[in-house]
PDB file of N, CA and C in Angstrom:
ATOM      1  N   MET A   1     -14.699  18.734  15.468  1.00  0.00           N
ATOM      2  CA  MET A   1     -13.759  17.659  15.074  1.00  0.00           C
ATOM      3  C   MET A   1     -13.984  16.513  15.059  1.00  0.00           C
ATOM      4  N   GLU A   2     -14.768  15.877  15.403  1.00  0.00           N
ATOM      5  CA  GLU A   2     -14.945  14.652  14.346  1.00  0.00           C
ATOM      6  C   GLU A   2     -15.263  14.823  13.165  1.00  0.00           C
ATOM      7  N   LYS A   3     -15.710  16.213  12.650  1.00  0.00           N
ATOM      8  CA  LYS A   3     -15.943  16.004  11.065  1.00  0.00           C
ATOM      9  C   LYS A   3     -13.915  16.588  10.720  1.00  0.00           C
ATOM     10  N   ARG A   4     -13.235  16.701  10.860  1.00  0.00           N
ATOM     11  CA  ARG A   4     -12.239  18.091  11.020  1.00  0.00           C
ATOM     12  C   ARG A   4     -11.538  15.773  10.715  1.00  0.00           C
ATOM     13  N   LYS A   5     -11.250  15.146  11.640  1.00  0.00           N
ATOM     14  CA  LYS A   5     -11.087  13.613  12.149  1.00  0.00           C
ATOM     15  C   LYS A   5     -11.340  13.019  10.873  1.00  0.00           C
ATOM     16  N   THR A   6     -13.165  13.007  10.463  1.00  0.00           N
ATOM     17  CA  THR A   6     -13.370  11.985   9.087  1.00  0.00           C
ATOM     18  C   THR A   6     -12.805  13.202   7.416  1.00  0.00           C
ATOM     19  N   ILE A   7     -12.895  14.666   7.813  1.00  0.00           N
ATOM     20  CA  ILE A   7     -12.170  14.657   6.337  1.00  0.00           C
ATOM     21  C   ILE A   7     -10.763  14.154   6.591  1.00  0.00           C
ATOM     22  N   ALA A   8     -10.370  13.836   7.331  1.00  0.00           N
ATOM     23  CA  ALA A   8      -7.793  13.909   7.172  1.00  0.00           C
ATOM     24  C   ALA A   8      -8.374  12.178   6.643  1.00  0.00           C
ATOM     25  N   TYR A   9      -9.229  11.620   7.330  1.00  0.00           N
ATOM     26  CA  TYR A   9      -9.625  10.516   6.779  1.00  0.00           C
ATOM     27  C   TYR A   9      -9.888  10.089   5.904  1.00  0.00           C
ATOM     28  N   TRP A  10     -10.427  10.716   5.633  1.00  0.00           N
ATOM     29  CA  TRP A  10     -10.666  10.417   3.307  1.00  0.00           C
ATOM     30  C   TRP A  10      -9.378  10.657   3.042  1.00  0.00           C
ATOM     31  N   VAL A  11      -8.950  12.285   3.348  1.00  0.00           N
ATOM     32  CA  VAL A  11      -8.107  12.127   2.587  1.00  0.00           C
ATOM     33  C   VAL A  11      -6.823  11.115   2.740  1.00  0.00           C
ATOM     34  N   ILE A  12      -6.504  11.365   3.908  1.00  0.00           N
ATOM     35  CA  ILE A  12      -4.576   9.955   4.084  1.00  0.00           C
ATOM     36  C   ILE A  12      -5.498   8.494   3.088  1.00  0.00           C
ATOM     37  N   THR A  13      -6.673   8.413   3.404  1.00  0.00           N
ATOM     38  CA  THR A  13      -7.202   7.192   2.702  1.00  0.00           C
ATOM     39  C   THR A  13      -7.216   6.957   1.136  1.00  0.00           C
ATOM     40  N   GLY A  14      -7.670   8.608   0.651  1.00  0.00           N
ATOM     41  CA  GLY A  14      -7.700   8.790  -0.347  1.00  0.00           C
ATOM     42  C   GLY A  14      -6.242   8.374  -1.437  1.00  0.00           C
ATOM     43  N   LEU A  15      -5.424   9.375  -0.504  1.00  0.00           N
ATOM     44  CA  LEU A  15      -4.139   9.404  -1.339  1.00  0.00           C
ATOM     45  C   LEU A  15      -3.329   7.938  -1.498  1.00  0.00           C
ATOM     46  N   LEU A  16      -3.425   7.035   0.379  1.00  0.00           N
ATOM     47  CA  LEU A  16      -2.661   6.147   0.498  1.00  0.00           C
ATOM     48  C   LEU A  16      -4.263   4.605  -0.473  1.00  0.00           C
ATOM     49  N   CYS A  17      -4.807   4.989  -1.931  1.00  0.00           N
ATOM     50  CA  CYS A  17      -4.897   3.802  -2.344  1.00  0.00           C
ATOM     51  C   CYS A  17      -4.272   4.479  -3.636  1.00  0.00           C
ATOM     52  N   PHE A  18      -4.804   5.207  -3.773  1.00  0.00           N
ATOM     53  CA  PHE A  18      -3.735   6.473  -5.252  1.00  0.00           C
ATOM     54  C   PHE A  18      -2.884   5.851  -5.493  1.00  0.00           C
ATOM     55  N   CYS A  19      -1.574   5.883  -4.358  1.00  0.00           N
ATOM     56  CA  CYS A  19      -0.582   5.147  -4.426  1.00  0.00           C
ATOM     57  C   CYS A  19      -0.731   3.214  -5.104  1.00  0.00           C
ATOM     58  N   MET A  20      -1.919   2.929  -3.984  1.00  0.00           N
ATOM     59  CA  MET A  20      -1.511   1.290  -4.441  1.00  0.00           C
ATOM     60  C   MET A  20      -1.840   0.394  -4.915  1.00  0.00           C
ATOM     61  N   LEU A  21      -2.042   2.049  -6.147  1.00  0.00           N
ATOM     62  CA  LEU A  21      -2.842   1.512  -7.548  1.00  0.00           C
ATOM     63  C   LEU A  21      -1.862   1.165  -8.699  1.00  0.00           C
ATOM     64  N   GLY A  22      -0.555   1.610  -7.947  1.00  0.00           N
ATOM     65  CA  GLY A  22       0.456   0.402  -8.189  1.00  0.00           C
ATOM     66  C   GLY A  22       0.887  -0.864  -8.870  1.00  0.00           C
ATOM     67  N   GLY A  23      -0.336  -1.022  -8.123  1.00  0.00           N
ATOM     68  CA  GLY A  23      -0.169  -2.790  -7.833  1.00  0.00           C
ATOM     69  C   GLY A  23      -1.041  -3.426  -9.193  1.00  0.00           C
ATOM     70  N   ILE A  24      -2.359  -2.413  -9.470  1.00  0.00           N
ATOM     71  CA  ILE A  24      -2.773  -2.796 -10.698  1.00  0.00           C
ATOM     72  C   ILE A  24      -1.165  -2.957 -12.415  1.00  0.00           C
ATOM     73  N   GLY A  25      -0.761  -2.116 -12.152  1.00  0.00           N
ATOM     74  CA  GLY A  25       0.230  -2.528 -13.213  1.00  0.00           C
ATOM     75  C   GLY A  25       0.535  -3.708 -12.813  1.00  0.00           C
ATOM     76  N   GLN A  26       1.524  -4.524 -11.894  1.00  0.00           N
ATOM     77  CA  GLN A  26       2.107  -5.244 -11.383  1.00  0.00           C
ATOM     78  C   GLN A  26       1.397  -6.079 -11.461  1.00  0.00           C
ATOM     79  N   LEU A  27       0.513  -6.256 -11.388  1.00  0.00           N
ATOM     80  CA  LEU A  27      -0.825  -6.464 -11.298  1.00  0.00           C
ATOM     81  C   LEU A  27      -1.298  -8.318 -12.531  1.00  0.00           C
ATOM     82  N   PHE A  28      -0.808  -7.037 -13.683  1.00  0.00           N
ATOM     83  CA  PHE A  28      -0.540  -6.900 -15.181  1.00  0.00           C
ATOM     84  C   PHE A  28       0.944  -7.331 -15.952  1.00  0.00           C
ATOM     85  N   GLN A  29       1.789  -7.054 -15.452  1.00  0.00           N
ATOM     86  CA  GLN A  29       3.187  -6.804 -15.158  1.00  0.00           C
ATOM     87  C   GLN A  29       3.911  -5.834 -16.414  1.00  0.00           C
ATOM     88  N   VAL A  30       3.108  -4.475 -15.874  1.00  0.00           N
ATOM     89  CA  VAL A  30       3.726  -3.795 -16.830  1.00  0.00           C
ATOM     90  C   VAL A  30       5.365  -3.503 -17.259  1.00  0.00           C
ATOM     91  N   LYS A  31       5.484  -3.638 -18.591  1.00  0.00           N
ATOM     92  CA  LYS A  31       7.154  -3.607 -18.562  1.00  0.00           C
ATOM     93  C   LYS A  31       7.644  -2.298 -17.775  1.00  0.00           C
ATOM     94  N   GLU A  32       7.762  -1.787 -17.425  1.00  0.00           N
ATOM     95  CA  GLU A  32       8.320  -0.274 -17.063  1.00  0.00           C
ATOM     96  C   GLU A  32       8.138  -0.225 -15.820  1.00  0.00           C
ATOM     97  N   ILE A  33       6.741  -1.890 -15.144  1.00  0.00           N
ATOM     98  CA  ILE A  33       6.722  -1.536 -12.817  1.00  0.00           C
ATOM     99  C   ILE A  33       8.114  -2.886 -13.397  1.00  0.00           C
ATOM    100  N   VAL A  34       7.927  -3.815 -13.896  1.00  0.00           N
ATOM    101  CA  VAL A  34       8.912  -5.237 -13.956  1.00  0.00           C
ATOM    102  C   VAL A  34      10.075  -4.564 -14.290  1.00  0.00           C
ATOM    103  N   ALA A  35      10.260  -4.132 -15.018  1.00  0.00           N
ATOM    104  CA  ALA A  35      12.159  -3.209 -15.461  1.00  0.00           C
ATOM    105  C   ALA A  35      12.404  -2.281 -13.882  1.00  0.00           C
ATOM    106  N   GLY A  36      10.992  -2.017 -12.884  1.00  0.00           N
ATOM    107  CA  GLY A  36      11.633  -1.545 -11.704  1.00  0.00           C
ATOM    108  C   GLY A  36      12.332  -2.021 -10.154  1.00  0.00           C
ATOM    109  N   PHE A  37      11.626  -3.594 -11.120  1.00  0.00           N
ATOM    110  CA  PHE A  37      11.442  -4.539  -9.610  1.00  0.00           C
ATOM    111  C   PHE A  37      12.613  -6.307 -10.416  1.00  0.00           C
ATOM    112  N   ALA A  38      13.751  -5.142 -11.178  1.00  0.00           N
ATOM    113  CA  ALA A  38      14.691  -5.939 -11.283  1.00  0.00           C
ATOM    114  C   ALA A  38      15.328  -5.552 -10.742  1.00  0.00           C
ATOM    115  N   PRO A  39      16.402  -5.029  -9.858  1.00  0.00           N
ATOM    116  CA  PRO A  39      17.294  -5.046  -9.208  1.00  0.00           C
ATOM    117  C   PRO A  39      16.774  -5.823  -7.985  1.00  0.00           C
ATOM    118  N   LEU A  40      15.769  -5.072  -7.881  1.00  0.00           N
ATOM    119  CA  LEU A  40      14.873  -6.764  -6.447  1.00  0.00           C
ATOM    120  C   LEU A  40      15.596  -7.703  -6.542  1.00  0.00           C
ATOM    121  N   GLY A  41      15.957  -7.873  -8.145  1.00  0.00           N
ATOM    122  CA  GLY A  41      15.914 -10.222  -7.887  1.00  0.00           C
ATOM    123  C   GLY A  41      14.829 -11.201  -7.743  1.00  0.00           C
ATOM    124  N   TYR A  42      13.663 -10.258  -8.213  1.00  0.00           N
ATOM    125  CA  TYR A  42      12.734 -10.946  -7.045  1.00  0.00           C
ATOM    126  C   TYR A  42      11.883 -11.690  -8.356  1.00  0.00           C
ATOM    127  N   PRO A  43      11.257 -12.956  -8.320  1.00  0.00           N
ATOM    128  CA  PRO A  43      10.726 -13.632  -9.639  1.00  0.00           C
ATOM    129  C   PRO A  43       9.354 -13.003 -10.440  1.00  0.00           C
ATOM    130  N   LEU A  44       8.893 -12.849 -11.527  1.00  0.00           N
ATOM    131  CA  LEU A  44       8.358 -12.325 -12.067  1.00  0.00           C
ATOM    132  C   LEU A  44       6.416 -12.310 -11.214  1.00  0.00           C
ATOM    133  N   TYR A  45       6.726 -13.749 -11.317  1.00  0.00           N
ATOM    134  CA  TYR A  45       5.486 -14.089 -10.537  1.00  0.00           C
ATOM    135  C   TYR A  45       5.232 -13.377  -9.578  1.00  0.00           C
ATOM    136  N   PHE A  46       6.128 -13.568  -8.125  1.00  0.00           N
ATOM    137  CA  PHE A  46       6.566 -12.718  -7.367  1.00  0.00           C
ATOM    138  C   PHE A  46       5.708 -11.506  -8.212  1.00  0.00           C
ATOM    139  N   ILE A  47       5.637 -10.088  -8.722  1.00  0.00           N
ATOM    140  CA  ILE A  47       5.116  -9.206  -8.419  1.00  0.00           C
ATOM    141  C   ILE A  47       3.911  -8.999  -8.785  1.00  0.00           C
ATOM    142  N   SER A  48       2.888 -10.018 -10.022  1.00  0.00           N
ATOM    143  CA  SER A  48       2.114  -9.896  -9.523  1.00  0.00           C
ATOM    144  C   SER A  48       1.294 -10.490  -8.464  1.00  0.00           C
ATOM    145  N   ILE A  49       1.884 -11.617  -7.310  1.00  0.00           N
ATOM    146  CA  ILE A  49       1.564 -11.631  -6.360  1.00  0.00           C
ATOM    147  C   ILE A  49       0.981 -10.265  -5.762  1.00  0.00           C
ATOM    148  N   ILE A  50       2.227  -9.672  -5.442  1.00  0.00           N
ATOM    149  CA  ILE A  50       2.223  -8.972  -5.191  1.00  0.00           C
ATOM    150  C   ILE A  50       1.246  -8.100  -5.356  1.00  0.00           C
ATOM    151  N   GLY A  51       0.746  -7.348  -7.235  1.00  0.00           N
ATOM    152  CA  GLY A  51       0.369  -6.622  -7.435  1.00  0.00           C
ATOM    153  C   GLY A  51      -1.372  -7.230  -6.976  1.00  0.00           C
ATOM    154  N   PHE A  52      -1.872  -8.075  -7.514  1.00  0.00           N
ATOM    155  CA  PHE A  52      -3.095  -9.060  -6.691  1.00  0.00           C
ATOM    156  C   PHE A  52      -3.244  -8.595  -5.180  1.00  0.00           C
ATOM    157  N   TRP A  53      -3.143  -9.056  -4.719  1.00  0.00           N
ATOM    158  CA  TRP A  53      -2.435  -8.412  -2.913  1.00  0.00           C
ATOM    159  C   TRP A  53      -3.105  -6.220  -2.637  1.00  0.00           C
ATOM    160  N   LYS A  54      -2.247  -5.750  -3.965  1.00  0.00           N
ATOM    161  CA  LYS A  54      -2.247  -4.434  -3.415  1.00  0.00           C
ATOM    162  C   LYS A  54      -3.383  -3.492  -4.054  1.00  0.00           C
ATOM    163  N   THR A  55      -4.532  -4.373  -5.030  1.00  0.00           N
ATOM    164  CA  THR A  55      -5.644  -4.381  -5.419  1.00  0.00           C
ATOM    165  C   THR A  55      -6.855  -4.834  -4.757  1.00  0.00           C
ATOM    166  N   MET A  56      -6.166  -5.740  -5.085  1.00  0.00           N
ATOM    167  CA  MET A  56      -7.398  -6.148  -3.012  1.00  0.00           C
ATOM    168  C   MET A  56      -7.924  -5.787  -1.579  1.00  0.00           C
ATOM    169  N   ALA A  57      -6.346  -5.043  -1.100  1.00  0.00           N
ATOM    170  CA  ALA A  57      -6.063  -4.413  -0.433  1.00  0.00           C
ATOM    171  C   ALA A  57      -6.655  -2.650  -0.975  1.00  0.00           C
ATOM    172  N   ILE A  58      -6.854  -2.155  -2.031  1.00  0.00           N
ATOM    173  CA  ILE A  58      -7.107  -1.105  -2.314  1.00  0.00           C
ATOM    174  C   ILE A  58      -9.196  -0.696  -1.826  1.00  0.00           C
ATOM    175  N   ILE A  59      -9.559  -2.451  -2.265  1.00  0.00           N
ATOM    176  CA  ILE A  59     -11.129  -2.548  -1.996  1.00  0.00           C
ATOM    177  C   ILE A  59     -11.069  -3.046  -1.123  1.00  0.00           C
ATOM    178  N   ALA A  60     -10.253  -3.679  -0.772  1.00  0.00           N
ATOM    179  CA  ALA A  60     -11.339  -4.002   1.247  1.00  0.00           C
ATOM    180  C   ALA A  60     -11.356  -2.204   2.239  1.00  0.00           C
ATOM    181  N   ILE A  61     -10.356  -1.919   1.382  1.00  0.00           N
ATOM    182  CA  ILE A  61     -10.444  -0.448   2.570  1.00  0.00           C
ATOM    183  C   ILE A  61     -11.326   0.171   2.620  1.00  0.00           C
ATOM    184  N   LEU A  62     -11.819   0.341   1.260  1.00  0.00           N
ATOM    185  CA  LEU A  62     -13.198   1.219   0.477  1.00  0.00           C
ATOM    186  C   LEU A  62     -14.003   0.974   0.953  1.00  0.00           C
ATOM    187  N   ILE A  63     -14.420  -0.252   0.742  1.00  0.00           N
ATOM    188  CA  ILE A  63     -16.088  -1.455   0.924  1.00  0.00           C
ATOM    189  C   ILE A  63     -16.384  -0.943   2.140  1.00  0.00           C
ATOM    190  N   PRO A  64     -17.654  -0.853   2.309  1.00  0.00           N
ATOM    191  CA  PRO A  64     -18.028  -0.223   4.035  1.00  0.00           C
ATOM    192  C   PRO A  64     -18.660  -2.281   4.438  1.00  0.00           C
ATOM    193  N   LYS A  65     -18.591  -1.468   6.187  1.00  0.00           N
ATOM    194  CA  LYS A  65     -18.133  -3.059   6.532  1.00  0.00           C
ATOM    195  C   LYS A  65     -17.046  -3.691   6.168  1.00  0.00           C
ATOM    196  N   PHE A  66     -17.380  -4.677   6.848  1.00  0.00           N
ATOM    197  CA  PHE A  66     -15.941  -6.215   6.700  1.00  0.00           C
ATOM    198  C   PHE A  66     -14.869  -5.707   7.803  1.00  0.00           C
ATOM    199  N   PRO A  67     -14.932  -5.268   9.369  1.00  0.00           N
ATOM    200  CA  PRO A  67     -13.310  -4.641   9.964  1.00  0.00           C
ATOM    201  C   PRO A  67     -12.749  -5.495  10.118  1.00  0.00           C
ATOM    202  N   LEU A  68     -12.896  -6.986   9.811  1.00  0.00           N
ATOM    203  CA  LEU A  68     -11.480  -7.761  10.556  1.00  0.00           C
ATOM    204  C   LEU A  68     -11.442  -7.591   8.762  1.00  0.00           C
ATOM    205  N   LEU A  69     -11.446  -7.288   7.299  1.00  0.00           N
ATOM    206  CA  LEU A  69     -11.037  -7.711   6.311  1.00  0.00           C
ATOM    207  C   LEU A  69     -10.048  -5.746   5.985  1.00  0.00           C
ATOM    208  N   LYS A  70     -10.285  -5.158   6.837  1.00  0.00           N
ATOM    209  CA  LYS A  70     -10.070  -4.177   6.650  1.00  0.00           C
ATOM    210  C   LYS A  70      -8.696  -4.320   8.289  1.00  0.00           C
ATOM    211  N   GLU A  71      -8.957  -4.934   8.791  1.00  0.00           N
ATOM    212  CA  GLU A  71      -7.838  -5.096   9.429  1.00  0.00           C
ATOM    213  C   GLU A  71      -6.057  -5.715   8.896  1.00  0.00           C
ATOM    214  N   TRP A  72      -6.509  -6.656   7.904  1.00  0.00           N
ATOM    215  CA  TRP A  72      -5.620  -7.586   7.301  1.00  0.00           C
ATOM    216  C   TRP A  72      -5.326  -6.980   5.921  1.00  0.00           C
ATOM    217  N   ALA A  73      -5.974  -5.762   5.673  1.00  0.00           N
ATOM    218  CA  ALA A  73      -5.801  -4.587   4.483  1.00  0.00           C
ATOM    219  C   ALA A  73      -4.364  -4.101   5.169  1.00  0.00           C
ATOM    220  N   TYR A  74      -4.930  -3.330   5.769  1.00  0.00           N
ATOM    221  CA  TYR A  74      -4.541  -2.417   6.636  1.00  0.00           C
ATOM    222  C   TYR A  74      -2.745  -2.725   6.990  1.00  0.00           C
ATOM    223  N   ALA A  75      -2.726  -4.463   7.032  1.00  0.00           N
ATOM    224  CA  ALA A  75      -1.358  -4.892   7.630  1.00  0.00           C
ATOM    225  C   ALA A  75      -0.846  -5.403   7.089  1.00  0.00           C
ATOM    226  N   GLY A  76      -1.527  -5.701   5.340  1.00  0.00           N
ATOM    227  CA  GLY A  76      -1.113  -5.972   4.226  1.00  0.00           C
ATOM    228  C   GLY A  76       0.389  -4.924   4.018  1.00  0.00           C
ATOM    229  N   VAL A  77      -0.718  -3.746   4.388  1.00  0.00           N
ATOM    230  CA  VAL A  77      -0.484  -3.021   3.747  1.00  0.00           C
ATOM    231  C   VAL A  77       1.135  -2.318   4.351  1.00  0.00           C
ATOM    232  N   PHE A  78       1.318  -2.567   5.062  1.00  0.00           N
ATOM    233  CA  PHE A  78       1.897  -2.248   6.114  1.00  0.00           C
ATOM    234  C   PHE A  78       2.767  -2.703   5.849  1.00  0.00           C
ATOM    235  N   PHE A  79       3.174  -4.069   6.119  1.00  0.00           N
ATOM    236  CA  PHE A  79       4.096  -4.750   5.789  1.00  0.00           C
ATOM    237  C   PHE A  79       4.742  -4.934   3.873  1.00  0.00           C
ATOM    238  N   ALA A  80       3.324  -4.726   3.332  1.00  0.00           N
ATOM    239  CA  ALA A  80       4.724  -4.147   1.671  1.00  0.00           C
ATOM    240  C   ALA A  80       4.643  -3.739   1.674  1.00  0.00           C
ATOM    241  N   MET A  81       4.804  -2.198   2.623  1.00  0.00           N
ATOM    242  CA  MET A  81       5.401  -1.418   2.116  1.00  0.00           C
ATOM    243  C   MET A  81       6.631  -0.642   3.158  1.00  0.00           C
ATOM    244  N   THR A  82       7.087  -1.724   4.440  1.00  0.00           N
ATOM    245  CA  THR A  82       8.083  -1.754   4.751  1.00  0.00           C
ATOM    246  C   THR A  82       8.739  -2.804   3.708  1.00  0.00           C
ATOM    247  N   GLY A  83       8.275  -4.248   3.942  1.00  0.00           N
ATOM    248  CA  GLY A  83       8.842  -4.705   2.801  1.00  0.00           C
ATOM    249  C   GLY A  83      10.068  -4.620   1.823  1.00  0.00           C
ATOM    250  N   ALA A  84       8.990  -3.907   1.168  1.00  0.00           N
ATOM    251  CA  ALA A  84       9.841  -2.604  -0.461  1.00  0.00           C
ATOM    252  C   ALA A  84      11.237  -1.652   0.263  1.00  0.00           C
ATOM    253  N   SER A  85      11.099  -0.930   0.756  1.00  0.00           N
ATOM    254  CA  SER A  85      12.169  -0.479   1.799  1.00  0.00           C
ATOM    255  C   SER A  85      12.868  -1.163   2.099  1.00  0.00           C
ATOM    256  N   ILE A  86      12.702  -2.446   3.024  1.00  0.00           N
ATOM    257  CA  ILE A  86      13.712  -3.012   3.508  1.00  0.00           C
ATOM    258  C   ILE A  86      14.420  -3.416   1.998  1.00  0.00           C
ATOM    259  N   SER A  87      14.614  -3.717   0.549  1.00  0.00           N
ATOM    260  CA  SER A  87      14.683  -5.016  -0.923  1.00  0.00           C
ATOM    261  C   SER A  87      16.351  -3.912  -0.841  1.00  0.00           C
ATOM    262  N   HIS A  88      14.939  -3.033  -0.907  1.00  0.00           N
ATOM    263  CA  HIS A  88      15.433  -0.876  -1.872  1.00  0.00           C
ATOM    264  C   HIS A  88      17.077  -1.605  -1.463  1.00  0.00           C
ATOM    265  N   ILE A  89      17.248  -0.841   0.284  1.00  0.00           N
ATOM    266  CA  ILE A  89      18.001  -1.385   1.455  1.00  0.00           C
ATOM    267  C   ILE A  89      18.996  -1.832   0.642  1.00  0.00           C
ATOM    268  N   ALA A  90      18.318  -3.384   0.489  1.00  0.00           N
ATOM    269  CA  ALA A  90      19.240  -3.927   0.295  1.00  0.00           C
ATOM    270  C   ALA A  90      19.994  -4.474  -0.367  1.00  0.00           C
ATOM    271  N   VAL A  91      19.382  -3.627  -1.402  1.00  0.00           N
ATOM    272  CA  VAL A  91      20.407  -4.250  -2.875  1.00  0.00           C
ATOM    273  C   VAL A  91      20.735  -1.866  -3.184  1.00  0.00           C
ATOM    274  N   ASN A  92      21.767  -1.486  -2.110  1.00  0.00           N
ATOM    275  CA  ASN A  92      22.032   0.138  -2.350  1.00  0.00           C
ATOM    276  C   ASN A  92      21.418   0.583  -2.531  1.00  0.00           C
ATOM    277  N   ASP A  93      19.770   0.545  -3.089  1.00  0.00           N
ATOM    278  CA  ASP A  93      18.805   1.855  -4.505  1.00  0.00           C
ATOM    279  C   ASP A  93      18.816   2.519  -3.546  1.00  0.00           C
ATOM    280  N   SER A  94      18.598   3.477  -4.915  1.00  0.00           N
ATOM    281  CA  SER A  94      18.376   5.220  -4.090  1.00  0.00           C
ATOM    282  C   SER A  94      18.228   5.513  -2.398  1.00  0.00           C
ATOM    283  N   VAL A  95      17.767   6.928  -2.403  1.00  0.00           N
ATOM    284  CA  VAL A  95      16.823   6.309  -0.431  1.00  0.00           C
ATOM    285  C   VAL A  95      15.449   7.140  -0.692  1.00  0.00           C
ATOM    286  N   PHE A  96      15.368   7.092  -2.555  1.00  0.00           N
ATOM    287  CA  PHE A  96      13.486   8.135  -3.320  1.00  0.00           C
ATOM    288  C   PHE A  96      12.873   6.739  -2.734  1.00  0.00           C
ATOM    289  N   HIS A  97      13.360   5.498  -3.846  1.00  0.00           N
ATOM    290  CA  HIS A  97      13.160   4.587  -3.230  1.00  0.00           C
ATOM    291  C   HIS A  97      13.137   3.231  -2.301  1.00  0.00           C
ATOM    292  N   ILE A  98      14.149   4.018  -1.178  1.00  0.00           N
ATOM    293  CA  ILE A  98      13.142   3.969   0.536  1.00  0.00           C
ATOM    294  C   ILE A  98      12.577   3.876   1.520  1.00  0.00           C
ATOM    295  N   ILE A  99      12.537   5.629   0.518  1.00  0.00           N
ATOM    296  CA  ILE A  99      11.421   6.550   1.294  1.00  0.00           C
ATOM    297  C   ILE A  99      10.291   6.205   1.621  1.00  0.00           C
ATOM    298  N   VAL A 100       9.697   6.238   0.583  1.00  0.00           N
ATOM    299  CA  VAL A 100       8.721   6.913  -0.914  1.00  0.00           C
ATOM    300  C   VAL A 100       7.396   5.031  -0.407  1.00  0.00           C
ATOM    301  N   PRO A 101       7.925   3.784  -0.306  1.00  0.00           N
ATOM    302  CA  PRO A 101       7.137   3.518   0.637  1.00  0.00           C
ATOM    303  C   PRO A 101       7.062   3.342   2.177  1.00  0.00           C
ATOM    304  N   LEU A 102       8.886   3.402   2.305  1.00  0.00           N
ATOM    305  CA  LEU A 102       7.535   3.802   4.538  1.00  0.00           C
ATOM    306  C   LEU A 102       6.392   5.397   3.554  1.00  0.00           C
ATOM    307  N   ILE A 103       6.826   5.903   3.677  1.00  0.00           N
ATOM    308  CA  ILE A 103       5.649   7.538   3.263  1.00  0.00           C
ATOM    309  C   ILE A 103       4.067   6.446   3.360  1.00  0.00           C
ATOM    310  N   ILE A 104       4.031   5.877   1.607  1.00  0.00           N
ATOM    311  CA  ILE A 104       3.184   4.703   2.253  1.00  0.00           C
ATOM    312  C   ILE A 104       2.979   3.942   3.480  1.00  0.00           C
ATOM    313  N   ALA A 105       3.498   3.015   3.764  1.00  0.00           N
ATOM    314  CA  ALA A 105       3.074   2.685   4.881  1.00  0.00           C
ATOM    315  C   ALA A 105       2.909   3.406   6.436  1.00  0.00           C
ATOM    316  N   SER A 106       3.260   4.897   6.239  1.00  0.00           N
ATOM    317  CA  SER A 106       3.238   5.821   7.177  1.00  0.00           C
ATOM    318  C   SER A 106       0.989   6.210   6.677  1.00  0.00           C
ATOM    319  N   LEU A 107       1.110   6.176   5.738  1.00  0.00           N
ATOM    320  CA  LEU A 107      -0.466   6.542   5.492  1.00  0.00           C
ATOM    321  C   LEU A 107      -1.134   5.616   5.854  1.00  0.00           C
ATOM    322  N   ALA A 108      -0.673   4.292   6.036  1.00  0.00           N
ATOM    323  CA  ALA A 108      -1.472   3.670   6.237  1.00  0.00           C
ATOM    324  C   ALA A 108      -1.609   3.489   7.727  1.00  0.00           C
ATOM    325  N   ILE A 109      -0.813   3.180   7.751  1.00  0.00           N
ATOM    326  CA  ILE A 109      -1.295   3.958   9.630  1.00  0.00           C
ATOM    327  C   ILE A 109      -1.749   4.492   9.906  1.00  0.00           C
ATOM    328  N   GLY A 110      -2.089   6.012   9.194  1.00  0.00           N
ATOM    329  CA  GLY A 110      -2.240   7.283   9.560  1.00  0.00           C
ATOM    330  C   GLY A 110      -3.447   7.153   9.307  1.00  0.00           C
ATOM    331  N   SER A 111      -4.291   6.074   8.063  1.00  0.00           N
ATOM    332  CA  SER A 111      -5.632   5.708   7.693  1.00  0.00           C
ATOM    333  C   SER A 111      -6.446   5.069   8.846  1.00  0.00           C
ATOM    334  N   TRP A 112      -5.612   4.500   8.915  1.00  0.00           N
ATOM    335  CA  TRP A 112      -6.328   3.159   9.941  1.00  0.00           C
ATOM    336  C   TRP A 112      -7.116   3.629  11.260  1.00  0.00           C
ATOM    337  N   TYR A 113      -6.063   4.618  12.012  1.00  0.00           N
ATOM    338  CA  TYR A 113      -5.676   5.523  12.856  1.00  0.00           C
ATOM    339  C   TYR A 113      -6.818   6.135  13.222  1.00  0.00           C
ATOM    340  N   LEU A 114      -7.690   6.555  11.484  1.00  0.00           N
ATOM    341  CA  LEU A 114      -7.769   8.333  11.899  1.00  0.00           C
ATOM    342  C   LEU A 114      -9.371   7.130  11.428  1.00  0.00           C
ATOM    343  N   ARG A 115     -10.094   5.805  11.023  1.00  0.00           N
ATOM    344  CA  ARG A 115     -11.287   5.976  10.669  1.00  0.00           C
ATOM    345  C   ARG A 115     -12.483   6.069  11.667  1.00  0.00           C
ATOM    346  N   PRO A 116     -13.100   6.173  10.765  1.00  0.00           N
ATOM    347  CA  PRO A 116     -14.918   6.336  11.734  1.00  0.00           C
ATOM    348  C   PRO A 116     -14.657   4.959  12.226  1.00  0.00           C
ATOM    349  N   ALA A 117     -15.806   4.737  13.766  1.00  0.00           N
ATOM    350  CA  ALA A 117     -16.238   3.963  14.134  1.00  0.00           C
ATOM    351  C   ALA A 117     -16.735   3.311  13.620  1.00  0.00           C
ATOM    352  N   SER A 118     -17.573   3.511  12.248  1.00  0.00           N
ATOM    353  CA  SER A 118     -18.498   2.217  11.021  1.00  0.00           C
ATOM    354  C   SER A 118     -17.777   1.463  10.376  1.00  0.00           C
ATOM    355  N   ARG A 119     -16.417   2.607  10.986  1.00  0.00           N
ATOM    356  CA  ARG A 119     -15.080   1.095   9.956  1.00  0.00           C
ATOM    357  C   ARG A 119     -14.215   0.410  11.169  1.00  0.00           C
ATOM    358  N   LYS A 120     -14.741   0.346  11.751  1.00  0.00           N
ATOM    359  CA  LYS A 120     -14.695  -0.860  12.898  1.00  0.00           C
ATOM    360  C   LYS A 120     -14.585  -1.796  13.518  1.00  0.00           C
TER     361      LYS A 120
END
């Protein structure tokens, strides 16, 4: 059972980190990503800040040790993704743009819950 839990942890964590790679594009304000933020009305500097912290969260979650830092990273991902969903709701965006951040937030919860004892 423990082996299955470890495999599930790494699969979910891998998916989470893959989804969060968009933070790199936000950090460097890639044209298409900035265009996706336009309907939300956020200033350009906010996109870079969110991108920086998403990138740092990936690193914090993947590196060994630093359990408190990991807790903060998981919380940050959860807050960022639920906030993104609420932002899309506020501007009457498509259901896709509302649901995807909630799925990523769910991946963060799953990764946090399944993490091995060595990462707690």
